[in-house]
Amino acid sequence: MLALMALAQVSAGVIALAAGLGATSASWPGSIVALTAFFAALWLLSAWLFRKAAREQTIAAGQGRTAE
C-alpha cells in the first residue's frame, strides 16, 4: 500500500511539471523533481521497513515467541 503512495507522489510531481506549476521559480523544474524523488523514496523506504518488520514478526511467532 505504501508503494502505491510513492506512485501517487510521483504522479503528483508529473502533473505539476506538465501543468507548469512553479515555472516562474529560478530552480524549476529541478526543485519539483528533487522533492518528488525525495518523498517517493521516503514512501518506498517506509514500505520496505514495514514489510521487514512484518516478516520478522511472522518468523518470531512461528518459533513460539514474540518479537521485541
Foldseek 3Di string as FASTA:
>chain_A
DLLVVLVVLVVVLVVCVVVCPPVVDPCPPVVSVVVSVVVSVVSVVVVVVVVVVVVVQVVQVVVPHGDD
